[in-house]
Amino acid sequence: MQGSFLRFYVTESQRHRGVLLWEWLLEQGNTLGVRGGSAFRSIGGFGRRHAMHEDRFFELAGTGGVEVEFVVGEEEEERLLALIRQEKIRLFYTRIPACFGVINPDADDAPDLTA
């Protein structure tokens, strides 16, 4: 199946509507019918302000990055991005074209994922 690999970059402590943003993104993806999503905490990095964020500094707790990833079809992508726009969340993301499917599918796999 053709679609996109979406990756959103947030900080550990960033919140939306009282919920950690990475959790909110996963919850919304699930509610919108996205087949799956994952969040990964980074051990170091820097952003547009070029400030280093590393996991080993106690005084920087909560400033580290979290990557939230989804592999989505076109309709799922449109619904997710539209929701983020509607909620007026300022968020950096990447979108990479993706081809995906299931090797040796079983009866629970969607027909569009089997080849």
N, C-alpha and C. Protein backbone atom coordinates (compact mmCIF):
# COMPACT_ATOMS: atom_id res chain seq x y z
N MET A 1 0.84 -1.17 0.00
CA MET A 1 0.00 0.00 0.00
C MET A 1 0.89 1.24 0.00
N GLN A 2 0.44 2.26 -0.66
CA GLN A 2 1.17 3.53 -0.70
C GLN A 2 0.62 4.47 0.37
N GLY A 3 1.50 5.24 0.96
CA GLY A 3 1.09 6.20 1.97
C GLY A 3 2.26 7.05 2.40
N SER A 4 2.29 7.40 3.67
CA SER A 4 3.32 8.29 4.19
C SER A 4 3.80 7.81 5.55
N PHE A 5 5.04 8.16 5.83
CA PHE A 5 5.63 8.00 7.15
C PHE A 5 5.63 9.40 7.75
N LEU A 6 4.83 9.62 8.79
CA LEU A 6 4.74 10.91 9.45
C LEU A 6 5.51 10.85 10.77
N ARG A 7 6.35 11.82 11.00
CA ARG A 7 7.07 11.90 12.27
C ARG A 7 6.89 13.32 12.81
N PHE A 8 6.39 13.40 14.04
CA PHE A 8 6.19 14.67 14.72
C PHE A 8 7.24 14.80 15.81
N TYR A 9 7.78 16.00 15.97
CA TYR A 9 8.82 16.28 16.97
C TYR A 9 8.24 17.17 18.05
N VAL A 10 8.22 16.70 19.28
CA VAL A 10 7.69 17.46 20.41
C VAL A 10 8.68 17.37 21.57
N THR A 11 8.49 18.21 22.58
CA THR A 11 9.30 18.09 23.79
C THR A 11 8.55 17.22 24.79
N GLU A 12 9.32 16.63 25.71
CA GLU A 12 8.73 15.73 26.71
C GLU A 12 7.59 16.37 27.49
N SER A 13 7.75 17.63 27.84
CA SER A 13 6.79 18.29 28.72
C SER A 13 5.71 19.08 27.98
N GLN A 14 5.76 19.13 26.65
CA GLN A 14 4.79 19.88 25.88
C GLN A 14 3.40 19.27 26.05
N ARG A 15 2.41 20.13 26.32
CA ARG A 15 1.05 19.66 26.59
C ARG A 15 0.05 20.30 25.64
N HIS A 16 -1.07 19.59 25.47
CA HIS A 16 -2.22 20.11 24.73
C HIS A 16 -3.46 19.65 25.47
N ARG A 17 -4.29 20.62 25.85
CA ARG A 17 -5.52 20.31 26.60
C ARG A 17 -5.23 19.52 27.87
N GLY A 18 -4.10 19.83 28.52
CA GLY A 18 -3.75 19.20 29.78
C GLY A 18 -3.09 17.83 29.68
N VAL A 19 -2.89 17.35 28.46
CA VAL A 19 -2.30 16.03 28.23
C VAL A 19 -0.95 16.21 27.55
N LEU A 20 0.02 15.37 27.90
CA LEU A 20 1.30 15.43 27.20
C LEU A 20 1.03 15.29 25.70
N LEU A 21 1.66 16.15 24.91
CA LEU A 21 1.35 16.21 23.47
C LEU A 21 1.63 14.88 22.78
N TRP A 22 2.71 14.19 23.15
CA TRP A 22 2.99 12.92 22.48
C TRP A 22 1.88 11.91 22.78
N GLU A 23 1.34 11.94 24.01
CA GLU A 23 0.23 11.04 24.34
C GLU A 23 -1.03 11.44 23.58
N TRP A 24 -1.27 12.76 23.50
CA TRP A 24 -2.44 13.25 22.79
C TRP A 24 -2.40 12.83 21.32
N LEU A 25 -1.22 12.96 20.69
CA LEU A 25 -1.10 12.56 19.29
C LEU A 25 -1.40 11.08 19.10
N LEU A 26 -0.87 10.24 19.98
CA LEU A 26 -1.15 8.80 19.87
C LEU A 26 -2.64 8.51 20.08
N GLU A 27 -3.24 9.15 21.09
CA GLU A 27 -4.66 8.95 21.35
C GLU A 27 -5.51 9.37 20.16
N GLN A 28 -5.19 10.52 19.57
CA GLN A 28 -5.96 11.01 18.43
C GLN A 28 -5.77 10.12 17.21
N GLY A 29 -4.54 9.66 16.97
CA GLY A 29 -4.30 8.75 15.87
C GLY A 29 -5.14 7.49 16.02
N ASN A 30 -5.20 6.97 17.23
CA ASN A 30 -5.99 5.77 17.51
C ASN A 30 -7.47 6.05 17.28
N THR A 31 -7.96 7.17 17.79
CA THR A 31 -9.37 7.55 17.61
C THR A 31 -9.73 7.72 16.14
N LEU A 32 -8.80 8.26 15.35
CA LEU A 32 -9.05 8.50 13.92
C LEU A 32 -8.92 7.24 13.06
N GLY A 33 -8.55 6.12 13.68
CA GLY A 33 -8.46 4.87 12.93
C GLY A 33 -7.11 4.59 12.30
N VAL A 34 -6.08 5.33 12.70
CA VAL A 34 -4.74 5.03 12.21
C VAL A 34 -4.37 3.64 12.74
N ARG A 35 -3.75 2.82 11.91
CA ARG A 35 -3.47 1.43 12.28
C ARG A 35 -2.47 1.27 13.41
N GLY A 36 -1.61 2.26 13.61
CA GLY A 36 -0.63 2.16 14.69
C GLY A 36 0.23 3.40 14.76
N GLY A 37 0.80 3.63 15.91
CA GLY A 37 1.70 4.76 16.11
C GLY A 37 2.64 4.45 17.25
N SER A 38 3.74 5.15 17.30
CA SER A 38 4.74 4.93 18.35
C SER A 38 5.36 6.25 18.75
N ALA A 39 5.82 6.32 20.00
CA ALA A 39 6.54 7.49 20.48
C ALA A 39 7.90 7.02 20.99
N PHE A 40 8.95 7.79 20.66
CA PHE A 40 10.31 7.45 21.05
C PHE A 40 10.96 8.66 21.71
N ARG A 41 11.55 8.45 22.85
CA ARG A 41 12.23 9.51 23.57
C ARG A 41 13.67 9.58 23.08
N SER A 42 14.13 10.79 22.79
CA SER A 42 15.51 10.93 22.30
C SER A 42 16.48 11.04 23.47
N ILE A 43 17.71 10.68 23.23
CA ILE A 43 18.74 10.81 24.27
C ILE A 43 19.55 12.08 24.09
N GLY A 44 19.37 12.76 22.96
CA GLY A 44 20.07 14.02 22.73
C GLY A 44 19.69 14.61 21.40
N GLY A 45 19.95 15.91 21.27
CA GLY A 45 19.67 16.57 20.01
C GLY A 45 19.64 18.07 20.18
N PHE A 46 19.31 18.77 19.09
CA PHE A 46 19.13 20.22 19.14
C PHE A 46 18.09 20.60 18.12
N GLY A 47 17.51 21.77 18.32
CA GLY A 47 16.46 22.25 17.43
C GLY A 47 16.85 23.56 16.78
N ARG A 48 15.85 24.30 16.36
CA ARG A 48 16.09 25.53 15.60
C ARG A 48 16.84 26.58 16.38
N ARG A 49 16.82 26.52 17.70
CA ARG A 49 17.57 27.50 18.50
C ARG A 49 18.99 27.02 18.81
N HIS A 50 19.34 25.84 18.34
CA HIS A 50 20.66 25.24 18.47
C HIS A 50 21.10 25.00 19.92
N ALA A 51 20.14 24.88 20.81
CA ALA A 51 20.44 24.52 22.20
C ALA A 51 20.51 23.00 22.30
N MET A 52 21.59 22.49 22.88
CA MET A 52 21.74 21.05 23.04
C MET A 52 20.84 20.54 24.16
N HIS A 53 20.19 19.43 23.90
CA HIS A 53 19.36 18.76 24.90
C HIS A 53 19.87 17.34 25.01
N GLU A 54 20.37 17.00 26.19
CA GLU A 54 20.89 15.66 26.40
C GLU A 54 20.25 15.06 27.63
N ASP A 55 20.03 13.78 27.58
CA ASP A 55 19.35 13.05 28.64
C ASP A 55 20.14 13.07 29.95
N ARG A 56 21.43 13.27 29.92
CA ARG A 56 22.25 13.11 31.12
C ARG A 56 22.25 14.33 32.05
N PHE A 57 21.72 15.45 31.61
CA PHE A 57 21.71 16.64 32.46
C PHE A 57 20.41 16.73 33.23
N PHE A 58 20.49 16.58 34.56
CA PHE A 58 19.30 16.60 35.40
C PHE A 58 18.54 17.93 35.27
N GLU A 59 19.28 19.04 35.19
CA GLU A 59 18.63 20.35 35.14
C GLU A 59 17.84 20.57 33.86
N LEU A 60 18.02 19.73 32.86
CA LEU A 60 17.26 19.86 31.61
C LEU A 60 16.11 18.86 31.54
N ALA A 61 15.75 18.25 32.66
CA ALA A 61 14.67 17.26 32.67
C ALA A 61 13.41 17.86 32.07
N GLY A 62 12.77 17.12 31.20
CA GLY A 62 11.55 17.56 30.56
C GLY A 62 11.74 18.36 29.29
N THR A 63 13.01 18.67 28.93
CA THR A 63 13.25 19.46 27.72
C THR A 63 13.67 18.58 26.55
N GLY A 64 13.83 17.30 26.80
CA GLY A 64 14.25 16.39 25.74
C GLY A 64 13.18 16.22 24.69
N GLY A 65 13.56 15.62 23.59
CA GLY A 65 12.64 15.43 22.48
C GLY A 65 11.94 14.10 22.49
N VAL A 66 10.77 14.08 21.92
CA VAL A 66 10.00 12.86 21.69
C VAL A 66 9.58 12.86 20.23
N GLU A 67 9.81 11.76 19.55
CA GLU A 67 9.37 11.59 18.17
C GLU A 67 8.13 10.71 18.18
N VAL A 68 7.07 11.18 17.54
CA VAL A 68 5.83 10.40 17.44
C VAL A 68 5.66 10.05 15.97
N GLU A 69 5.56 8.75 15.70
CA GLU A 69 5.56 8.27 14.31
C GLU A 69 4.29 7.52 13.96
N PHE A 70 3.86 7.71 12.73
CA PHE A 70 2.72 6.98 12.17
C PHE A 70 3.06 6.61 10.73
N VAL A 71 2.66 5.42 10.31
CA VAL A 71 2.69 5.04 8.89
C VAL A 71 1.23 4.99 8.48
N VAL A 72 0.86 5.86 7.54
CA VAL A 72 -0.55 6.08 7.25
C VAL A 72 -0.86 6.05 5.76
N GLY A 73 -2.10 5.71 5.46
CA GLY A 73 -2.61 5.88 4.11
C GLY A 73 -3.00 7.34 3.92
N GLU A 74 -3.36 7.69 2.70
CA GLU A 74 -3.65 9.09 2.37
C GLU A 74 -4.80 9.67 3.21
N GLU A 75 -5.89 8.92 3.37
CA GLU A 75 -7.03 9.42 4.14
C GLU A 75 -6.68 9.60 5.61
N GLU A 76 -5.94 8.65 6.17
CA GLU A 76 -5.52 8.77 7.57
C GLU A 76 -4.64 10.00 7.77
N GLU A 77 -3.71 10.20 6.84
CA GLU A 77 -2.83 11.37 6.90
C GLU A 77 -3.63 12.66 6.88
N GLU A 78 -4.57 12.75 5.96
CA GLU A 78 -5.39 13.96 5.85
C GLU A 78 -6.17 14.24 7.12
N ARG A 79 -6.78 13.20 7.71
CA ARG A 79 -7.56 13.37 8.94
C ARG A 79 -6.67 13.82 10.10
N LEU A 80 -5.51 13.22 10.23
CA LEU A 80 -4.61 13.55 11.34
C LEU A 80 -4.07 14.98 11.22
N LEU A 81 -3.59 15.34 10.03
CA LEU A 81 -3.06 16.69 9.84
C LEU A 81 -4.16 17.75 9.96
N ALA A 82 -5.36 17.44 9.49
CA ALA A 82 -6.48 18.38 9.61
C ALA A 82 -6.82 18.62 11.08
N LEU A 83 -6.81 17.58 11.88
CA LEU A 83 -7.10 17.73 13.31
C LEU A 83 -6.06 18.61 14.00
N ILE A 84 -4.78 18.38 13.68
CA ILE A 84 -3.71 19.17 14.28
C ILE A 84 -3.87 20.64 13.89
N ARG A 85 -4.21 20.90 12.63
CA ARG A 85 -4.45 22.28 12.18
C ARG A 85 -5.64 22.89 12.91
N GLN A 86 -6.71 22.12 13.01
CA GLN A 86 -7.94 22.58 13.68
C GLN A 86 -7.66 22.93 15.14
N GLU A 87 -6.83 22.13 15.80
CA GLU A 87 -6.49 22.36 17.20
C GLU A 87 -5.45 23.48 17.37
N LYS A 88 -4.96 24.01 16.25
CA LYS A 88 -3.99 25.11 16.24
C LYS A 88 -2.71 24.77 17.02
N ILE A 89 -2.23 23.55 16.84
CA ILE A 89 -0.99 23.11 17.48
C ILE A 89 0.17 23.44 16.56
N ARG A 90 1.11 24.20 17.05
CA ARG A 90 2.32 24.52 16.29
C ARG A 90 3.27 23.35 16.47
N LEU A 91 3.61 22.69 15.37
CA LEU A 91 4.30 21.41 15.48
C LEU A 91 5.18 21.19 14.26
N PHE A 92 6.45 20.85 14.47
CA PHE A 92 7.34 20.49 13.36
C PHE A 92 7.14 19.01 13.05
N TYR A 93 7.09 18.69 11.75
CA TYR A 93 6.91 17.29 11.35
C TYR A 93 7.64 17.01 10.05
N THR A 94 7.82 15.73 9.78
CA THR A 94 8.33 15.30 8.48
C THR A 94 7.32 14.34 7.87
N ARG A 95 7.26 14.34 6.55
CA ARG A 95 6.39 13.44 5.80
C ARG A 95 7.23 12.81 4.71
N ILE A 96 7.32 11.49 4.74
CA ILE A 96 8.13 10.76 3.78
C ILE A 96 7.23 9.75 3.07
N PRO A 97 7.22 9.72 1.74
CA PRO A 97 6.42 8.71 1.04
C PRO A 97 6.84 7.31 1.49
N ALA A 98 5.85 6.43 1.64
CA ALA A 98 6.14 5.08 2.14
C ALA A 98 5.30 4.04 1.40
N CYS A 99 5.89 2.90 1.24
CA CYS A 99 5.19 1.72 0.74
C CYS A 99 5.18 0.73 1.90
N PHE A 100 4.02 0.22 2.26
CA PHE A 100 3.96 -0.66 3.42
C PHE A 100 2.95 -1.78 3.21
N GLY A 101 3.10 -2.82 3.99
CA GLY A 101 2.22 -3.97 3.90
C GLY A 101 2.56 -4.97 4.98
N VAL A 102 1.95 -6.13 4.92
CA VAL A 102 2.16 -7.20 5.90
C VAL A 102 2.64 -8.43 5.15
N ILE A 103 3.75 -8.98 5.59
CA ILE A 103 4.26 -10.23 5.03
C ILE A 103 3.60 -11.38 5.78
N ASN A 104 3.11 -12.37 5.08
CA ASN A 104 2.41 -13.50 5.68
C ASN A 104 1.22 -13.05 6.53
N PRO A 105 0.27 -12.33 5.93
CA PRO A 105 -0.87 -11.80 6.69
C PRO A 105 -1.76 -12.89 7.26
N ASP A 106 -2.49 -12.51 8.30
CA ASP A 106 -3.50 -13.43 8.83
C ASP A 106 -4.88 -12.82 8.60
N ALA A 107 -5.92 -13.46 9.10
CA ALA A 107 -7.29 -13.02 8.83
C ALA A 107 -7.60 -11.65 9.42
N ASP A 108 -6.85 -11.20 10.43
CA ASP A 108 -7.12 -9.92 11.07
C ASP A 108 -6.51 -8.74 10.31
N ASP A 109 -5.64 -9.00 9.34
CA ASP A 109 -5.01 -7.91 8.59
C ASP A 109 -5.96 -7.36 7.54
N ALA A 110 -5.91 -6.05 7.39
CA ALA A 110 -6.75 -5.39 6.39
C ALA A 110 -6.37 -5.85 4.98
N PRO A 111 -7.36 -6.06 4.10
CA PRO A 111 -7.05 -6.54 2.74
C PRO A 111 -6.10 -5.61 1.98
N ASP A 112 -6.16 -4.30 2.24
CA ASP A 112 -5.30 -3.38 1.49
C ASP A 112 -3.84 -3.45 1.94
N LEU A 113 -3.56 -4.16 3.04
CA LEU A 113 -2.18 -4.30 3.50
C LEU A 113 -1.53 -5.60 3.04
N THR A 114 -2.30 -6.48 2.45
CA THR A 114 -1.77 -7.76 2.04
C THR A 114 -1.40 -7.75 0.57
N ALA A 115 -0.32 -8.41 0.28
CA ALA A 115 0.13 -8.44 -1.12
C ALA A 115 0.29 -9.85 -1.60
